[in-house]
Amino acid sequence: MSVLDNFRDWKHFLGDRVQAAEQAGMESDLVNNVAYQIGGYLASQVDPKNEQERLLKELWDSGDEEQQRTLASLMVKMVQNEPGAQR
């Protein structure tokens, strides 16, 4: 089973990776840039596995680069604010 099969699992996976990057001293701009690159890869290479991922792909595909960067930044912020996130 892939972390992409369940949106809750995906958020937990992303949150763990963001937390690890922050603990390693990665600046927030770099974290957001990596999230943008991952978002681009997922949007172009991975078929959405659930409704939430399909919505994110549609939003991604509808936006220009600045809007896509904003969406990636919001995803990072969402997992940082997730209950139980250690920040």
N, C-alpha and C. Protein backbone atom coordinates (compact mmCIF):
# COMPACT_ATOMS: atom_id res chain seq x y z
N MET A 1 0.84 -1.18 0.00
CA MET A 1 0.00 0.00 0.00
C MET A 1 0.89 1.24 0.00
N SER A 2 0.60 2.18 -0.84
CA SER A 2 1.35 3.42 -0.98
C SER A 2 0.79 4.49 -0.05
N VAL A 3 1.64 5.45 0.37
CA VAL A 3 1.15 6.57 1.17
C VAL A 3 0.19 7.42 0.37
N LEU A 4 0.17 7.26 -0.94
CA LEU A 4 -0.73 8.04 -1.78
C LEU A 4 -2.13 7.46 -1.83
N ASP A 5 -2.31 6.25 -1.32
CA ASP A 5 -3.63 5.62 -1.36
C ASP A 5 -4.62 6.26 -0.40
N ASN A 6 -4.13 6.83 0.68
CA ASN A 6 -4.99 7.41 1.70
C ASN A 6 -4.46 8.81 2.01
N PHE A 7 -5.32 9.83 1.93
CA PHE A 7 -4.87 11.21 2.10
C PHE A 7 -4.33 11.45 3.51
N ARG A 8 -4.92 10.84 4.50
CA ARG A 8 -4.42 10.99 5.87
C ARG A 8 -2.99 10.45 5.98
N ASP A 9 -2.74 9.31 5.35
CA ASP A 9 -1.39 8.75 5.34
C ASP A 9 -0.42 9.68 4.61
N TRP A 10 -0.88 10.27 3.51
CA TRP A 10 -0.04 11.20 2.75
C TRP A 10 0.32 12.42 3.61
N LYS A 11 -0.67 12.97 4.31
CA LYS A 11 -0.40 14.13 5.16
C LYS A 11 0.59 13.77 6.27
N HIS A 12 0.43 12.60 6.87
CA HIS A 12 1.34 12.15 7.92
C HIS A 12 2.75 11.97 7.35
N PHE A 13 2.85 11.35 6.19
CA PHE A 13 4.14 11.14 5.53
C PHE A 13 4.81 12.48 5.24
N LEU A 14 4.05 13.42 4.66
CA LEU A 14 4.60 14.73 4.34
C LEU A 14 5.00 15.47 5.62
N GLY A 15 4.18 15.39 6.64
CA GLY A 15 4.51 16.03 7.92
C GLY A 15 5.79 15.51 8.52
N ASP A 16 5.99 14.19 8.46
CA ASP A 16 7.22 13.59 8.97
C ASP A 16 8.44 14.11 8.19
N ARG A 17 8.30 14.22 6.88
CA ARG A 17 9.42 14.69 6.05
C ARG A 17 9.72 16.16 6.29
N VAL A 18 8.68 16.96 6.45
CA VAL A 18 8.87 18.39 6.75
C VAL A 18 9.55 18.54 8.10
N GLN A 19 9.10 17.79 9.09
CA GLN A 19 9.70 17.85 10.42
C GLN A 19 11.17 17.45 10.36
N ALA A 20 11.49 16.39 9.64
CA ALA A 20 12.88 15.95 9.53
C ALA A 20 13.74 17.02 8.85
N ALA A 21 13.22 17.65 7.83
CA ALA A 21 13.96 18.71 7.13
C ALA A 21 14.21 19.88 8.07
N GLU A 22 13.21 20.26 8.84
CA GLU A 22 13.37 21.37 9.78
C GLU A 22 14.38 21.03 10.87
N GLN A 23 14.33 19.80 11.38
CA GLN A 23 15.26 19.38 12.42
C GLN A 23 16.69 19.30 11.89
N ALA A 24 16.83 19.07 10.60
CA ALA A 24 18.15 19.03 9.98
C ALA A 24 18.66 20.44 9.67
N GLY A 25 17.84 21.45 9.96
CA GLY A 25 18.27 22.82 9.77
C GLY A 25 17.91 23.42 8.42
N MET A 26 17.07 22.75 7.66
CA MET A 26 16.68 23.27 6.35
C MET A 26 15.81 24.51 6.53
N GLU A 27 16.13 25.57 5.82
CA GLU A 27 15.36 26.81 5.87
C GLU A 27 13.97 26.59 5.28
N SER A 28 13.00 27.36 5.76
CA SER A 28 11.61 27.19 5.30
C SER A 28 11.46 27.46 3.81
N ASP A 29 12.23 28.40 3.26
CA ASP A 29 12.16 28.64 1.82
C ASP A 29 12.58 27.41 1.03
N LEU A 30 13.61 26.72 1.51
CA LEU A 30 14.07 25.52 0.83
C LEU A 30 13.04 24.39 0.97
N VAL A 31 12.44 24.27 2.16
CA VAL A 31 11.39 23.26 2.36
C VAL A 31 10.24 23.51 1.38
N ASN A 32 9.83 24.77 1.26
CA ASN A 32 8.74 25.11 0.35
C ASN A 32 9.13 24.86 -1.11
N ASN A 33 10.38 25.12 -1.47
CA ASN A 33 10.83 24.87 -2.84
C ASN A 33 10.82 23.37 -3.15
N VAL A 34 11.25 22.57 -2.21
CA VAL A 34 11.21 21.11 -2.39
C VAL A 34 9.76 20.65 -2.51
N ALA A 35 8.88 21.20 -1.69
CA ALA A 35 7.45 20.85 -1.77
C ALA A 35 6.89 21.20 -3.15
N TYR A 36 7.30 22.35 -3.69
CA TYR A 36 6.87 22.75 -5.03
C TYR A 36 7.36 21.74 -6.08
N GLN A 37 8.60 21.33 -5.98
CA GLN A 37 9.15 20.35 -6.93
C GLN A 37 8.43 19.01 -6.83
N ILE A 38 8.16 18.58 -5.61
CA ILE A 38 7.43 17.33 -5.42
C ILE A 38 6.01 17.45 -5.96
N GLY A 39 5.37 18.59 -5.71
CA GLY A 39 4.02 18.82 -6.24
C GLY A 39 3.99 18.74 -7.75
N GLY A 40 4.98 19.34 -8.39
CA GLY A 40 5.06 19.27 -9.86
C GLY A 40 5.23 17.85 -10.35
N TYR A 41 6.09 17.09 -9.67
CA TYR A 41 6.30 15.69 -10.05
C TYR A 41 5.00 14.90 -9.88
N LEU A 42 4.36 15.04 -8.72
CA LEU A 42 3.13 14.29 -8.47
C LEU A 42 2.05 14.66 -9.49
N ALA A 43 1.92 15.94 -9.79
CA ALA A 43 0.88 16.39 -10.72
C ALA A 43 1.10 15.83 -12.12
N SER A 44 2.36 15.69 -12.52
CA SER A 44 2.63 15.25 -13.89
C SER A 44 2.84 13.74 -14.03
N GLN A 45 3.21 13.06 -12.93
CA GLN A 45 3.62 11.66 -13.06
C GLN A 45 2.77 10.65 -12.29
N VAL A 46 1.95 11.12 -11.35
CA VAL A 46 1.23 10.20 -10.48
C VAL A 46 -0.28 10.42 -10.61
N ASP A 47 -0.99 9.33 -10.86
CA ASP A 47 -2.45 9.40 -10.96
C ASP A 47 -3.03 9.56 -9.55
N PRO A 48 -3.90 10.55 -9.34
CA PRO A 48 -4.51 10.73 -8.02
C PRO A 48 -5.23 9.46 -7.57
N LYS A 49 -5.04 9.11 -6.31
CA LYS A 49 -5.62 7.88 -5.77
C LYS A 49 -6.92 8.10 -5.01
N ASN A 50 -7.25 9.37 -4.74
CA ASN A 50 -8.46 9.64 -3.97
C ASN A 50 -8.97 11.04 -4.33
N GLU A 51 -10.13 11.39 -3.79
CA GLU A 51 -10.76 12.67 -4.13
C GLU A 51 -9.91 13.87 -3.75
N GLN A 52 -9.26 13.80 -2.59
CA GLN A 52 -8.45 14.93 -2.14
C GLN A 52 -7.26 15.15 -3.08
N GLU A 53 -6.62 14.07 -3.47
CA GLU A 53 -5.48 14.19 -4.39
C GLU A 53 -5.94 14.68 -5.76
N ARG A 54 -7.12 14.25 -6.18
CA ARG A 54 -7.65 14.72 -7.47
C ARG A 54 -7.91 16.22 -7.43
N LEU A 55 -8.47 16.70 -6.31
CA LEU A 55 -8.70 18.13 -6.15
C LEU A 55 -7.38 18.90 -6.16
N LEU A 56 -6.39 18.40 -5.44
CA LEU A 56 -5.08 19.07 -5.42
C LEU A 56 -4.48 19.11 -6.82
N LYS A 57 -4.60 18.03 -7.58
CA LYS A 57 -4.07 18.01 -8.94
C LYS A 57 -4.80 19.03 -9.81
N GLU A 58 -6.13 19.11 -9.69
CA GLU A 58 -6.89 20.08 -10.48
C GLU A 58 -6.51 21.51 -10.11
N LEU A 59 -6.33 21.77 -8.82
CA LEU A 59 -5.89 23.10 -8.40
C LEU A 59 -4.50 23.40 -8.95
N TRP A 60 -3.61 22.42 -8.84
CA TRP A 60 -2.24 22.58 -9.34
C TRP A 60 -2.24 22.88 -10.84
N ASP A 61 -2.98 22.10 -11.58
CA ASP A 61 -3.02 22.25 -13.03
C ASP A 61 -3.68 23.57 -13.45
N SER A 62 -4.55 24.12 -12.61
CA SER A 62 -5.23 25.37 -12.92
C SER A 62 -4.37 26.60 -12.65
N GLY A 63 -3.35 26.44 -11.82
CA GLY A 63 -2.57 27.59 -11.40
C GLY A 63 -1.33 27.83 -12.24
N ASP A 64 -0.84 29.07 -12.16
CA ASP A 64 0.45 29.39 -12.75
C ASP A 64 1.53 29.04 -11.72
N GLU A 65 2.79 29.29 -12.03
CA GLU A 65 3.88 28.88 -11.14
C GLU A 65 3.74 29.50 -9.75
N GLU A 66 3.41 30.78 -9.68
CA GLU A 66 3.27 31.44 -8.38
C GLU A 66 2.17 30.80 -7.55
N GLN A 67 1.05 30.48 -8.19
CA GLN A 67 -0.06 29.85 -7.47
C GLN A 67 0.30 28.42 -7.05
N GLN A 68 1.06 27.71 -7.88
CA GLN A 68 1.50 26.37 -7.52
C GLN A 68 2.45 26.42 -6.32
N ARG A 69 3.34 27.42 -6.30
CA ARG A 69 4.24 27.59 -5.16
C ARG A 69 3.44 27.90 -3.89
N THR A 70 2.40 28.70 -4.04
CA THR A 70 1.54 29.01 -2.89
C THR A 70 0.85 27.75 -2.40
N LEU A 71 0.34 26.94 -3.31
CA LEU A 71 -0.31 25.69 -2.93
C LEU A 71 0.66 24.76 -2.21
N ALA A 72 1.88 24.65 -2.71
CA ALA A 72 2.90 23.81 -2.07
C ALA A 72 3.20 24.34 -0.67
N SER A 73 3.32 25.65 -0.54
CA SER A 73 3.58 26.27 0.76
C SER A 73 2.42 26.01 1.73
N LEU A 74 1.21 26.08 1.23
CA LEU A 74 0.03 25.82 2.07
C LEU A 74 0.00 24.36 2.53
N MET A 75 0.41 23.44 1.67
CA MET A 75 0.46 22.03 2.07
C MET A 75 1.47 21.84 3.21
N VAL A 76 2.63 22.51 3.10
CA VAL A 76 3.63 22.43 4.16
C VAL A 76 3.04 23.00 5.45
N LYS A 77 2.43 24.16 5.36
CA LYS A 77 1.83 24.80 6.54
C LYS A 77 0.74 23.91 7.14
N MET A 78 -0.06 23.26 6.30
CA MET A 78 -1.13 22.40 6.78
C MET A 78 -0.56 21.27 7.64
N VAL A 79 0.51 20.63 7.19
CA VAL A 79 1.05 19.51 7.97
C VAL A 79 1.81 20.00 9.19
N GLN A 80 2.34 21.22 9.13
CA GLN A 80 2.99 21.78 10.31
C GLN A 80 1.97 22.07 11.41
N ASN A 81 0.75 22.44 11.02
CA ASN A 81 -0.30 22.78 11.97
C ASN A 81 -1.16 21.59 12.36
N GLU A 82 -0.86 20.44 11.84
CA GLU A 82 -1.62 19.23 12.12
C GLU A 82 -1.52 18.89 13.62
N PRO A 83 -2.62 18.52 14.25
CA PRO A 83 -2.55 18.13 15.66
C PRO A 83 -1.51 17.02 15.86
N GLY A 84 -0.70 17.19 16.85
CA GLY A 84 0.35 16.19 17.12
C GLY A 84 1.65 16.46 16.42
N ALA A 85 1.67 17.46 15.52
CA ALA A 85 2.91 17.82 14.84
C ALA A 85 3.85 18.43 15.85
N GLN A 86 5.09 17.99 15.86
CA GLN A 86 6.08 18.50 16.81
C GLN A 86 6.86 19.61 16.16
N ARG A 87 6.47 20.82 16.45
CA ARG A 87 7.16 21.99 15.87
C ARG A 87 7.62 22.88 16.99
